[in-house]
Each structure stands twice: as C-alpha cells, then as structure tokens.
C-alpha cells in the first residue's frame, strides 16, 4: 500500500514541476525544474516496478503501460534538457 502512495506522490510531482518549469523566470530555473521532472518520472517508474501484482495478473498489461509511460517521460525530459542547454 505504501508503494502505491509513493507512485501517486511522485507522478503528481512530475506534473507540478512541469507547470513550475513553464512558469520559471530564468532558463536556469527552467532546466532545474525539468531535471526535477525527470527525476520524479524515474522515481515513479521505480515505484511502479516495486508494486507486487502477482495475485492480480490481469493488472500486468496496465502496469507495463504505466512503466513505459514513465520511461517515455524521462526520455522527453532528457530531450528538453539537451535542447535547452
């Protein structure tokens, strides 16, 4: 149950930091916030992988999709960071 709370917290933090990045006043602050977004997406991926769904195999496809989405966000934030520097 604690892992699920961590997923909710970290995934919500991705979007909150993205909003803050888009409202940043400087390029340095923007890059910093996007790096935080990337870190939170990575953390979300970790927590998703830690969630044990062995007793509910029907959830496996959903878990795979969510892990893939977190990974895609990490790649997107990496690209934004590279283009912004």
Protein backbone atom coordinates (compact mmCIF):
# COMPACT_ATOMS: atom_id res chain seq x y z
CA UNK A 1 0.00 0.00 0.00
CA UNK A 2 2.88 2.37 0.77
CA UNK A 3 4.31 1.83 -2.75
CA UNK A 4 1.02 2.97 -4.27
CA UNK A 5 1.10 6.16 -2.20
CA UNK A 6 4.64 6.81 -3.43
CA UNK A 7 3.57 6.33 -7.07
CA UNK A 8 0.77 8.85 -6.62
CA UNK A 9 3.11 11.33 -4.92
CA UNK A 10 5.94 11.09 -7.46
CA UNK A 11 3.67 11.06 -10.52
CA UNK A 12 1.83 14.13 -9.23
CA UNK A 13 5.16 15.82 -8.63
CA UNK A 14 6.10 15.34 -12.30
CA UNK A 15 3.18 17.44 -13.47
CA UNK A 16 3.53 20.02 -10.70
CA UNK A 17 7.19 20.59 -11.52
CA UNK A 18 6.43 20.76 -15.24
CA UNK A 19 3.93 23.53 -14.60
CA UNK A 20 6.50 25.35 -12.46
CA UNK A 21 9.13 24.90 -15.20
CA UNK A 22 6.86 26.56 -17.73
CA UNK A 23 6.32 29.45 -15.32
CA UNK A 24 10.00 29.85 -14.49
CA UNK A 25 11.61 33.25 -14.77
CA UNK A 26 15.02 32.11 -15.97
CA UNK A 27 16.49 29.50 -18.25
CA UNK A 28 18.50 28.04 -15.37
CA UNK A 29 15.37 27.63 -13.25
CA UNK A 30 13.55 26.05 -16.22
CA UNK A 31 16.32 23.49 -16.71
CA UNK A 32 16.44 22.77 -12.97
CA UNK A 33 12.67 22.14 -12.85
CA UNK A 34 12.80 19.89 -15.91
CA UNK A 35 15.59 17.91 -14.25
CA UNK A 36 13.34 17.51 -11.21
CA UNK A 37 10.57 16.31 -13.55
CA UNK A 38 12.96 13.72 -14.99
CA UNK A 39 13.95 12.58 -11.50
CA UNK A 40 10.33 12.23 -10.42
CA UNK A 41 9.45 10.29 -13.59
CA UNK A 42 12.36 7.95 -12.85
CA UNK A 43 11.15 7.56 -9.27
CA UNK A 44 7.61 6.85 -10.49
CA UNK A 45 8.98 4.11 -12.72
CA UNK A 46 10.83 2.62 -9.74
CA UNK A 47 7.72 2.59 -7.52
CA UNK A 48 5.61 1.09 -10.30
CA UNK A 49 8.13 -1.72 -10.70
CA UNK A 50 8.06 -2.36 -6.95
CA UNK A 51 4.30 -2.82 -6.81
CA UNK A 52 3.56 -6.52 -6.41
CA UNK A 53 0.60 -7.64 -8.53
CA UNK A 54 1.32 -11.37 -8.57
CA UNK A 55 -2.13 -12.16 -7.20
CA UNK A 56 -3.82 -9.98 -9.88
CA UNK A 57 -2.29 -10.96 -13.22
CA UNK A 58 -4.95 -9.00 -15.11
CA UNK A 59 -3.20 -5.81 -13.95
CA UNK A 60 0.10 -6.72 -15.63
CA UNK A 61 -0.72 -5.05 -19.01
CA UNK A 62 -1.69 -1.83 -17.23
CA UNK A 63 1.48 -1.90 -15.15
CA UNK A 64 3.59 -2.39 -18.28
CA UNK A 65 1.89 0.57 -19.97
CA UNK A 66 2.41 2.82 -16.94
CA UNK A 67 6.10 1.88 -16.64
CA UNK A 68 6.50 2.59 -20.36
CA UNK A 69 4.80 5.98 -19.97
CA UNK A 70 7.14 6.91 -17.11
CA UNK A 71 10.10 5.87 -19.26
CA UNK A 72 8.81 7.96 -22.19
CA UNK A 73 8.51 10.98 -19.90
CA UNK A 74 12.12 10.50 -18.82
CA UNK A 75 13.20 10.48 -22.48
CA UNK A 76 11.13 13.57 -23.25
CA UNK A 77 12.62 15.47 -20.31
CA UNK A 78 16.12 14.38 -21.38
CA UNK A 79 15.47 15.81 -24.84
CA UNK A 80 14.16 19.08 -23.39
CA UNK A 81 17.25 19.40 -21.19
CA UNK A 82 19.63 18.76 -24.10
CA UNK A 83 17.86 21.28 -26.34
CA UNK A 84 17.75 23.91 -23.58
CA UNK A 85 21.45 23.91 -22.74
